[in-house]
Every structure is written in C-alpha cells, then in structure tokens.
Amino acid sequence: MDLKDEIAKVAYELFERDGRQHGKDREHWVEAERIVKARRMEREAEGSRKVAPPKKAAAKGEASVKRKEKTPKSGEAGAAKQPKKPSRAPRSK
C-alpha cells in the first residue's frame, strides 16, 4: 500500500473513532501521517536489526559462559620472565 493510501485509511479510522464529526479532516490527516510514519520507521528498524541465533544450552556441570584467562603483563606479579638476550662480546683485533 502506498503512503497516501495508508494515511487516508488511518485518517478515516480516526474520523470514525471520533464519532464521524465533520470539520476535523485536517486534524485526522495530520495525526494519521504521524501514526503511519512512526509505524514505517518501526518496521524499518526491526528489519535492520540482526538477530543472533540462540546459543546452545551448556551441558550439566559446564559453565554457561567460558571466560578467557587474563595473562599478566610483563612487570606484573605472575608474569613469566623473559630470557635475556645474550650480550655481544667485544671483537678482538
């Protein structure tokens, strides 16, 4: 359905809801435009959202979230010591 047809349909529904009072056609039209545009924006937002597939349930006794262990940086307690590079001996002439 094109935009104008959809707005006209909603405006008519508003007209009926208000007891078919004449003289409010512009109010109904403006309100219908707002409603239709909001609906379209909502549909577009839903279409652009990417839904991640559901994760498989963890087996019994297994943590549902596995955490990566943090490795300490050099200089911090528990950091593995780096082997020193051999120093070059002076060359003999």
PDB file of N, CA and C in Angstrom:
ATOM      1  N   MET A   1       0.854  -1.169   0.000  1.00  0.00           N
ATOM      2  CA  MET A   1       0.000   0.000   0.000  1.00  0.00           C
ATOM      3  C   MET A   1       0.903   1.237   0.000  1.00  0.00           C
ATOM      4  N   ASP A   2       0.563   2.200  -0.829  1.00  0.00           N
ATOM      5  CA  ASP A   2       1.419   3.384  -0.879  1.00  0.00           C
ATOM      6  C   ASP A   2       1.100   4.303   0.310  1.00  0.00           C
ATOM      7  N   LEU A   3       1.974   5.258   0.539  1.00  0.00           N
ATOM      8  CA  LEU A   3       1.917   6.114   1.724  1.00  0.00           C
ATOM      9  C   LEU A   3       0.586   6.864   1.832  1.00  0.00           C
ATOM     10  N   LYS A   4       0.142   7.500   0.758  1.00  0.00           N
ATOM     11  CA  LYS A   4      -1.097   8.290   0.812  1.00  0.00           C
ATOM     12  C   LYS A   4      -2.320   7.423   1.114  1.00  0.00           C
ATOM     13  N   ASP A   5      -2.369   6.232   0.515  1.00  0.00           N
ATOM     14  CA  ASP A   5      -3.497   5.334   0.766  1.00  0.00           C
ATOM     15  C   ASP A   5      -3.530   4.886   2.229  1.00  0.00           C
ATOM     16  N   GLU A   6      -2.356   4.602   2.748  1.00  0.00           N
ATOM     17  CA  GLU A   6      -2.271   4.155   4.146  1.00  0.00           C
ATOM     18  C   GLU A   6      -2.680   5.289   5.096  1.00  0.00           C
ATOM     19  N   ILE A   7      -2.238   6.510   4.801  1.00  0.00           N
ATOM     20  CA  ILE A   7      -2.607   7.666   5.628  1.00  0.00           C
ATOM     21  C   ILE A   7      -4.116   7.898   5.550  1.00  0.00           C
ATOM     22  N   ALA A   8      -4.687   7.807   4.351  1.00  0.00           N
ATOM     23  CA  ALA A   8      -6.131   8.008   4.178  1.00  0.00           C
ATOM     24  C   ALA A   8      -6.925   6.983   4.978  1.00  0.00           C
ATOM     25  N   LYS A   9      -6.468   5.749   4.968  1.00  0.00           N
ATOM     26  CA  LYS A   9      -7.158   4.685   5.707  1.00  0.00           C
ATOM     27  C   LYS A   9      -7.134   4.976   7.207  1.00  0.00           C
ATOM     28  N   VAL A  10      -5.976   5.358   7.719  1.00  0.00           N
ATOM     29  CA  VAL A  10      -5.853   5.650   9.150  1.00  0.00           C
ATOM     30  C   VAL A  10      -6.656   6.906   9.500  1.00  0.00           C
ATOM     31  N   ALA A  11      -6.632   7.905   8.635  1.00  0.00           N
ATOM     32  CA  ALA A  11      -7.405   9.129   8.883  1.00  0.00           C
ATOM     33  C   ALA A  11      -8.904   8.813   8.961  1.00  0.00           C
ATOM     34  N   TYR A  12      -9.363   7.923   8.093  1.00  0.00           N
ATOM     35  CA  TYR A  12     -10.779   7.542   8.117  1.00  0.00           C
ATOM     36  C   TYR A  12     -11.103   6.798   9.412  1.00  0.00           C
ATOM     37  N   GLU A  13     -10.201   5.944   9.855  1.00  0.00           N
ATOM     38  CA  GLU A  13     -10.397   5.233  11.128  1.00  0.00           C
ATOM     39  C   GLU A  13     -10.486   6.227  12.288  1.00  0.00           C
ATOM     40  N   LEU A  14      -9.646   7.259  12.251  1.00  0.00           N
ATOM     41  CA  LEU A  14      -9.701   8.294  13.291  1.00  0.00           C
ATOM     42  C   LEU A  14     -11.026   9.059  13.223  1.00  0.00           C
ATOM     43  N   PHE A  15     -11.484   9.341  12.009  1.00  0.00           N
ATOM     44  CA  PHE A  15     -12.762  10.020  11.795  1.00  0.00           C
ATOM     45  C   PHE A  15     -13.902   9.200  12.401  1.00  0.00           C
ATOM     46  N   GLU A  16     -13.893   7.898  12.166  1.00  0.00           N
ATOM     47  CA  GLU A  16     -14.924   7.030  12.727  1.00  0.00           C
ATOM     48  C   GLU A  16     -14.819   6.935  14.242  1.00  0.00           C
ATOM     49  N   ARG A  17     -13.605   6.870  14.727  1.00  0.00           N
ATOM     50  CA  ARG A  17     -13.392   6.761  16.172  1.00  0.00           C
ATOM     51  C   ARG A  17     -13.913   8.003  16.896  1.00  0.00           C
ATOM     52  N   ASP A  18     -13.787   9.162  16.260  1.00  0.00           N
ATOM     53  CA  ASP A  18     -14.267  10.416  16.855  1.00  0.00           C
ATOM     54  C   ASP A  18     -15.766  10.628  16.660  1.00  0.00           C
ATOM     55  N   GLY A  19     -16.475   9.628  16.240  1.00  0.00           N
ATOM     56  CA  GLY A  19     -17.928   9.738  16.091  1.00  0.00           C
ATOM     57  C   GLY A  19     -18.359  10.406  14.801  1.00  0.00           C
ATOM     58  N   ARG A  20     -17.503  10.320  13.775  1.00  0.00           N
ATOM     59  CA  ARG A  20     -17.794  10.858  12.446  1.00  0.00           C
ATOM     60  C   ARG A  20     -18.113  12.357  12.481  1.00  0.00           C
ATOM     61  N   GLN A  21     -17.357  13.071  13.309  1.00  0.00           N
ATOM     62  CA  GLN A  21     -17.537  14.524  13.391  1.00  0.00           C
ATOM     63  C   GLN A  21     -16.862  15.184  12.200  1.00  0.00           C
ATOM     64  N   HIS A  22     -17.633  15.950  11.450  1.00  0.00           N
ATOM     65  CA  HIS A  22     -17.089  16.647  10.290  1.00  0.00           C
ATOM     66  C   HIS A  22     -16.350  17.899  10.731  1.00  0.00           C
ATOM     67  N   GLY A  23     -15.405  18.341   9.910  1.00  0.00           N
ATOM     68  CA  GLY A  23     -14.653  19.549  10.202  1.00  0.00           C
ATOM     69  C   GLY A  23     -13.311  19.282  10.868  1.00  0.00           C
ATOM     70  N   LYS A  24     -12.989  18.008  11.129  1.00  0.00           N
ATOM     71  CA  LYS A  24     -11.704  17.665  11.747  1.00  0.00           C
ATOM     72  C   LYS A  24     -10.809  16.908  10.768  1.00  0.00           C
ATOM     73  N   ASP A  25     -11.090  17.055   9.477  1.00  0.00           N
ATOM     74  CA  ASP A  25     -10.348  16.271   8.487  1.00  0.00           C
ATOM     75  C   ASP A  25      -8.841  16.558   8.524  1.00  0.00           C
ATOM     76  N   ARG A  26      -8.455  17.806   8.681  1.00  0.00           N
ATOM     77  CA  ARG A  26      -7.013  18.116   8.731  1.00  0.00           C
ATOM     78  C   ARG A  26      -6.365  17.528   9.978  1.00  0.00           C
ATOM     79  N   GLU A  27      -7.045  17.634  11.117  1.00  0.00           N
ATOM     80  CA  GLU A  27      -6.506  17.055  12.358  1.00  0.00           C
ATOM     81  C   GLU A  27      -6.321  15.548  12.207  1.00  0.00           C
ATOM     82  N   HIS A  28      -7.349  14.898  11.629  1.00  0.00           N
ATOM     83  CA  HIS A  28      -7.255  13.447  11.431  1.00  0.00           C
ATOM     84  C   HIS A  28      -6.130  13.100  10.459  1.00  0.00           C
ATOM     85  N   TRP A  29      -5.968  13.882   9.407  1.00  0.00           N
ATOM     86  CA  TRP A  29      -4.930  13.615   8.409  1.00  0.00           C
ATOM     87  C   TRP A  29      -3.534  13.755   9.019  1.00  0.00           C
ATOM     88  N   VAL A  30      -3.322  14.842   9.764  1.00  0.00           N
ATOM     89  CA  VAL A  30      -2.008  15.084  10.377  1.00  0.00           C
ATOM     90  C   VAL A  30      -1.684  13.981  11.382  1.00  0.00           C
ATOM     91  N   GLU A  31      -2.659  13.603  12.178  1.00  0.00           N
ATOM     92  CA  GLU A  31      -2.455  12.525  13.149  1.00  0.00           C
ATOM     93  C   GLU A  31      -2.185  11.200  12.431  1.00  0.00           C
ATOM     94  N   ALA A  32      -2.907  10.955  11.350  1.00  0.00           N
ATOM     95  CA  ALA A  32      -2.699   9.728  10.576  1.00  0.00           C
ATOM     96  C   ALA A  32      -1.301   9.701   9.963  1.00  0.00           C
ATOM     97  N   GLU A  33      -0.816  10.838   9.465  1.00  0.00           N
ATOM     98  CA  GLU A  33       0.557  10.910   8.929  1.00  0.00           C
ATOM     99  C   GLU A  33       1.570  10.526   9.999  1.00  0.00           C
ATOM    100  N   ARG A  34       1.377  11.088  11.194  1.00  0.00           N
ATOM    101  CA  ARG A  34       2.296  10.793  12.299  1.00  0.00           C
ATOM    102  C   ARG A  34       2.291   9.303  12.632  1.00  0.00           C
ATOM    103  N   ILE A  35       1.113   8.719  12.704  1.00  0.00           N
ATOM    104  CA  ILE A  35       0.973   7.299  13.045  1.00  0.00           C
ATOM    105  C   ILE A  35       1.624   6.420  11.978  1.00  0.00           C
ATOM    106  N   VAL A  36       1.317   6.688  10.718  1.00  0.00           N
ATOM    107  CA  VAL A  36       1.825   5.865   9.614  1.00  0.00           C
ATOM    108  C   VAL A  36       3.351   5.959   9.529  1.00  0.00           C
ATOM    109  N   LYS A  37       3.886   7.164   9.638  1.00  0.00           N
ATOM    110  CA  LYS A  37       5.339   7.333   9.565  1.00  0.00           C
ATOM    111  C   LYS A  37       6.031   6.629  10.730  1.00  0.00           C
ATOM    112  N   ALA A  38       5.444   6.706  11.918  1.00  0.00           N
ATOM    113  CA  ALA A  38       6.017   6.019  13.075  1.00  0.00           C
ATOM    114  C   ALA A  38       6.012   4.507  12.862  1.00  0.00           C
ATOM    115  N   ARG A  39       4.917   3.979  12.318  1.00  0.00           N
ATOM    116  CA  ARG A  39       4.825   2.538  12.044  1.00  0.00           C
ATOM    117  C   ARG A  39       5.891   2.109  11.043  1.00  0.00           C
ATOM    118  N   ARG A  40       6.040   2.912   9.981  1.00  0.00           N
ATOM    119  CA  ARG A  40       7.031   2.567   8.948  1.00  0.00           C
ATOM    120  C   ARG A  40       8.451   2.602   9.498  1.00  0.00           C
ATOM    121  N   MET A  41       8.750   3.606  10.321  1.00  0.00           N
ATOM    122  CA  MET A  41      10.085   3.695  10.915  1.00  0.00           C
ATOM    123  C   MET A  41      10.340   2.493  11.824  1.00  0.00           C
ATOM    124  N   GLU A  42       9.316   2.077  12.556  1.00  0.00           N
ATOM    125  CA  GLU A  42       9.446   0.924  13.445  1.00  0.00           C
ATOM    126  C   GLU A  42       9.704  -0.345  12.633  1.00  0.00           C
ATOM    127  N   ARG A  43       8.972  -0.504  11.530  1.00  0.00           N
ATOM    128  CA  ARG A  43       9.180  -1.685  10.672  1.00  0.00           C
ATOM    129  C   ARG A  43      10.585  -1.701  10.086  1.00  0.00           C
ATOM    130  N   GLU A  44      11.060  -0.533   9.656  1.00  0.00           N
ATOM    131  CA  GLU A  44      12.414  -0.449   9.091  1.00  0.00           C
ATOM    132  C   GLU A  44      13.459  -0.775  10.139  1.00  0.00           C
ATOM    133  N   ALA A  45      13.245  -0.289  11.363  1.00  0.00           N
ATOM    134  CA  ALA A  45      14.202  -0.563  12.445  1.00  0.00           C
ATOM    135  C   ALA A  45      14.228  -2.056  12.761  1.00  0.00           C
ATOM    136  N   GLU A  46      13.063  -2.694  12.767  1.00  0.00           N
ATOM    137  CA  GLU A  46      13.004  -4.133  13.035  1.00  0.00           C
ATOM    138  C   GLU A  46      13.693  -4.917  11.929  1.00  0.00           C
ATOM    139  N   GLY A  47      13.544  -4.465  10.703  1.00  0.00           N
ATOM    140  CA  GLY A  47      14.161  -5.153   9.570  1.00  0.00           C
ATOM    141  C   GLY A  47      15.669  -5.013   9.552  1.00  0.00           C
ATOM    142  N   SER A  48      16.179  -3.914  10.096  1.00  0.00           N
ATOM    143  CA  SER A  48      17.625  -3.697  10.064  1.00  0.00           C
ATOM    144  C   SER A  48      18.332  -4.354  11.236  1.00  0.00           C
ATOM    145  N   ARG A  49      17.587  -4.708  12.265  1.00  0.00           N
ATOM    146  CA  ARG A  49      18.211  -5.384  13.412  1.00  0.00           C
ATOM    147  C   ARG A  49      18.584  -6.797  13.011  1.00  0.00           C
ATOM    148  N   LYS A  50      19.787  -7.167  13.373  1.00  0.00           N
ATOM    149  CA  LYS A  50      20.223  -8.531  13.106  1.00  0.00           C
ATOM    150  C   LYS A  50      20.017  -9.350  14.368  1.00  0.00           C
ATOM    151  N   VAL A  51      19.294 -10.436  14.222  1.00  0.00           N
ATOM    152  CA  VAL A  51      19.008 -11.284  15.365  1.00  0.00           C
ATOM    153  C   VAL A  51      20.032 -12.408  15.388  1.00  0.00           C
ATOM    154  N   ALA A  52      20.744 -12.509  16.508  1.00  0.00           N
ATOM    155  CA  ALA A  52      21.730 -13.569  16.654  1.00  0.00           C
ATOM    156  C   ALA A  52      21.012 -14.887  16.906  1.00  0.00           C
ATOM    157  N   PRO A  53      21.516 -15.979  16.335  1.00  0.00           N
ATOM    158  CA  PRO A  53      20.879 -17.270  16.577  1.00  0.00           C
ATOM    159  C   PRO A  53      21.024 -17.654  18.043  1.00  0.00           C
ATOM    160  N   PRO A  54      20.051 -18.368  18.602  1.00  0.00           N
ATOM    161  CA  PRO A  54      20.139 -18.743  20.011  1.00  0.00           C
ATOM    162  C   PRO A  54      21.326 -19.662  20.253  1.00  0.00           C
ATOM    163  N   LYS A  55      21.954 -19.488  21.405  1.00  0.00           N
ATOM    164  CA  LYS A  55      23.109 -20.319  21.753  1.00  0.00           C
ATOM    165  C   LYS A  55      22.629 -21.650  22.305  1.00  0.00           C
ATOM    166  N   LYS A  56      23.445 -22.674  22.099  1.00  0.00           N
ATOM    167  CA  LYS A  56      23.108 -23.990  22.618  1.00  0.00           C
ATOM    168  C   LYS A  56      23.269 -23.991  24.126  1.00  0.00           C
ATOM    169  N   ALA A  57      22.421 -24.743  24.797  1.00  0.00           N
ATOM    170  CA  ALA A  57      22.492 -24.830  26.251  1.00  0.00           C
ATOM    171  C   ALA A  57      23.748 -25.598  26.647  1.00  0.00           C
ATOM    172  N   ALA A  58      24.369 -25.195  27.739  1.00  0.00           N
ATOM    173  CA  ALA A  58      25.584 -25.851  28.226  1.00  0.00           C
ATOM    174  C   ALA A  58      25.217 -27.191  28.863  1.00  0.00           C
ATOM    175  N   ALA A  59      26.119 -28.144  28.749  1.00  0.00           N
ATOM    176  CA  ALA A  59      25.915 -29.450  29.362  1.00  0.00           C
ATOM    177  C   ALA A  59      25.974 -29.300  30.876  1.00  0.00           C
ATOM    178  N   LYS A  60      25.398 -30.258  31.593  1.00  0.00           N
ATOM    179  CA  LYS A  60      25.404 -30.184  33.047  1.00  0.00           C
ATOM    180  C   LYS A  60      26.829 -30.122  33.571  1.00  0.00           C
ATOM    181  N   GLY A  61      27.024 -29.297  34.562  1.00  0.00           N
ATOM    182  CA  GLY A  61      28.334 -29.171  35.178  1.00  0.00           C
ATOM    183  C   GLY A  61      29.265 -28.225  34.424  1.00  0.00           C
ATOM    184  N   GLU A  62      28.846 -27.770  33.276  1.00  0.00           N
ATOM    185  CA  GLU A  62      29.667 -26.869  32.472  1.00  0.00           C
ATOM    186  C   GLU A  62      29.177 -25.452  32.687  1.00  0.00           C
ATOM    187  N   ALA A  63      30.077 -24.521  32.791  1.00  0.00           N
ATOM    188  CA  ALA A  63      29.683 -23.121  32.955  1.00  0.00           C
ATOM    189  C   ALA A  63      29.045 -22.636  31.660  1.00  0.00           C
ATOM    190  N   SER A  64      28.021 -21.823  31.784  1.00  0.00           N
ATOM    191  CA  SER A  64      27.351 -21.337  30.581  1.00  0.00           C
ATOM    192  C   SER A  64      28.189 -20.308  29.842  1.00  0.00           C
ATOM    193  N   VAL A  65      29.064 -19.624  30.558  1.00  0.00           N
ATOM    194  CA  VAL A  65      29.925 -18.636  29.931  1.00  0.00           C
ATOM    195  C   VAL A  65      31.368 -18.990  30.238  1.00  0.00           C
ATOM    196  N   LYS A  66      32.130 -19.227  29.196  1.00  0.00           N
ATOM    197  CA  LYS A  66      33.545 -19.522  29.395  1.00  0.00           C
ATOM    198  C   LYS A  66      34.298 -18.214  29.352  1.00  0.00           C
ATOM    199  N   ARG A  67      35.168 -18.029  30.325  1.00  0.00           N
ATOM    200  CA  ARG A  67      35.938 -16.799  30.372  1.00  0.00           C
ATOM    201  C   ARG A  67      37.371 -17.077  30.001  1.00  0.00           C
ATOM    202  N   LYS A  68      37.914 -16.180  29.231  1.00  0.00           N
ATOM    203  CA  LYS A  68      39.300 -16.293  28.831  1.00  0.00           C
ATOM    204  C   LYS A  68      40.160 -15.807  29.985  1.00  0.00           C
ATOM    205  N   GLU A  69      41.144 -16.602  30.345  1.00  0.00           N
ATOM    206  CA  GLU A  69      42.022 -16.200  31.436  1.00  0.00           C
ATOM    207  C   GLU A  69      42.881 -15.034  30.993  1.00  0.00           C
ATOM    208  N   LYS A  70      43.024 -14.104  31.896  1.00  0.00           N
ATOM    209  CA  LYS A  70      43.820 -12.926  31.603  1.00  0.00           C
ATOM    210  C   LYS A  70      45.278 -13.256  31.893  1.00  0.00           C
ATOM    211  N   THR A  71      46.131 -12.985  30.914  1.00  0.00           N
ATOM    212  CA  THR A  71      47.558 -13.230  31.121  1.00  0.00           C
ATOM    213  C   THR A  71      48.196 -11.960  31.658  1.00  0.00           C
ATOM    214  N   PRO A  72      49.021 -12.097  32.696  1.00  0.00           N
ATOM    215  CA  PRO A  72      49.651 -10.910  33.266  1.00  0.00           C
ATOM    216  C   PRO A  72      50.667 -10.308  32.304  1.00  0.00           C
ATOM    217  N   LYS A  73      50.776  -8.984  32.342  1.00  0.00           N
ATOM    218  CA  LYS A  73      51.738  -8.281  31.504  1.00  0.00           C
ATOM    219  C   LYS A  73      53.098  -8.324  32.176  1.00  0.00           C
ATOM    220  N   SER A  74      54.145  -8.115  31.397  1.00  0.00           N
ATOM    221  CA  SER A  74      55.488  -8.140  31.973  1.00  0.00           C
ATOM    222  C   SER A  74      55.589  -7.056  33.038  1.00  0.00           C
ATOM    223  N   GLY A  75      56.240  -7.400  34.131  1.00  0.00           N
ATOM    224  CA  GLY A  75      56.378  -6.487  35.241  1.00  0.00           C
ATOM    225  C   GLY A  75      55.310  -6.698  36.301  1.00  0.00           C
ATOM    226  N   GLU A  76      54.224  -7.391  35.972  1.00  0.00           N
ATOM    227  CA  GLU A  76      53.174  -7.673  36.943  1.00  0.00           C
ATOM    228  C   GLU A  76      53.493  -8.980  37.651  1.00  0.00           C
ATOM    229  N   ALA A  77      52.944  -9.144  38.821  1.00  0.00           N
ATOM    230  CA  ALA A  77      53.153 -10.382  39.575  1.00  0.00           C
ATOM    231  C   ALA A  77      52.589 -11.545  38.771  1.00  0.00           C
ATOM    232  N   GLY A  78      53.296 -12.622  38.696  1.00  0.00           N
ATOM    233  CA  GLY A  78      52.855 -13.812  37.978  1.00  0.00           C
ATOM    234  C   GLY A  78      53.235 -13.809  36.513  1.00  0.00           C
ATOM    235  N   ALA A  79      53.878 -12.771  36.051  1.00  0.00           N
ATOM    236  CA  ALA A  79      54.287 -12.707  34.650  1.00  0.00           C
ATOM    237  C   ALA A  79      55.497 -13.598  34.442  1.00  0.00           C
ATOM    238  N   ALA A  80      55.537 -14.289  33.335  1.00  0.00           N
ATOM    239  CA  ALA A  80      56.681 -15.151  33.025  1.00  0.00           C
ATOM    240  C   ALA A  80      57.873 -14.272  32.703  1.00  0.00           C
ATOM    241  N   LYS A  81      59.018 -14.668  33.213  1.00  0.00           N
ATOM    242  CA  LYS A  81      60.230 -13.883  32.959  1.00  0.00           C
ATOM    243  C   LYS A  81      60.729 -14.170  31.557  1.00  0.00           C
ATOM    244  N   GLN A  82      61.067 -13.116  30.858  1.00  0.00           N
ATOM    245  CA  GLN A  82      61.609 -13.230  29.510  1.00  0.00           C
ATOM    246  C   GLN A  82      63.099 -13.533  29.613  1.00  0.00           C
ATOM    247  N   PRO A  83      63.588 -14.465  28.797  1.00  0.00           N
ATOM    248  CA  PRO A  83      65.032 -14.728  28.824  1.00  0.00           C
ATOM    249  C   PRO A  83      65.778 -13.510  28.294  1.00  0.00           C
ATOM    250  N   LYS A  84      66.908 -13.244  28.925  1.00  0.00           N
ATOM    251  CA  LYS A  84      67.709 -12.100  28.496  1.00  0.00           C
ATOM    252  C   LYS A  84      68.410 -12.435  27.202  1.00  0.00           C
ATOM    253  N   LYS A  85      68.554 -11.421  26.365  1.00  0.00           N
ATOM    254  CA  LYS A  85      69.283 -11.608  25.119  1.00  0.00           C
ATOM    255  C   LYS A  85      70.771 -11.629  25.443  1.00  0.00           C
ATOM    256  N   PRO A  86      71.515 -12.512  24.794  1.00  0.00           N
ATOM    257  CA  PRO A  86      72.946 -12.543  25.082  1.00  0.00           C
ATOM    258  C   PRO A  86      73.608 -11.255  24.618  1.00  0.00           C
ATOM    259  N   SER A  87      74.490 -10.778  25.474  1.00  0.00           N
ATOM    260  CA  SER A  87      75.196  -9.544  25.095  1.00  0.00           C
ATOM    261  C   SER A  87      76.329  -9.915  24.155  1.00  0.00           C
ATOM    262  N   ARG A  88      76.659  -9.017  23.276  1.00  0.00           N
ATOM    263  CA  ARG A  88      77.735  -9.278  22.332  1.00  0.00           C
ATOM    264  C   ARG A  88      79.076  -8.986  22.998  1.00  0.00           C
ATOM    265  N   ALA A  89      79.945  -9.903  22.848  1.00  0.00           N
ATOM    266  CA  ALA A  89      81.297  -9.685  23.371  1.00  0.00           C
ATOM    267  C   ALA A  89      82.060  -8.793  22.410  1.00  0.00           C
ATOM    268  N   PRO A  90      82.912  -7.941  22.942  1.00  0.00           N
ATOM    269  CA  PRO A  90      83.691  -7.081  22.038  1.00  0.00           C
ATOM    270  C   PRO A  90      84.581  -7.922  21.147  1.00  0.00           C
ATOM    271  N   ARG A  91      84.710  -7.498  19.925  1.00  0.00           N
ATOM    272  CA  ARG A  91      85.536  -8.235  18.969  1.00  0.00           C
ATOM    273  C   ARG A  91      86.999  -7.973  19.236  1.00  0.00           C
ATOM    274  N   SER A  92      87.778  -8.987  19.089  1.00  0.00           N
ATOM    275  CA  SER A  92      89.217  -8.805  19.263  1.00  0.00           C
ATOM    276  C   SER A  92      89.838  -8.425  17.932  1.00  0.00           C
ATOM    277  N   LYS A  93      90.890  -7.624  18.020  1.00  0.00           N
ATOM    278  CA  LYS A  93      91.542  -7.155  16.817  1.00  0.00           C
ATOM    279  C   LYS A  93      92.674  -8.035  16.431  1.00  0.00           C
TER     280      LYS A  93
END
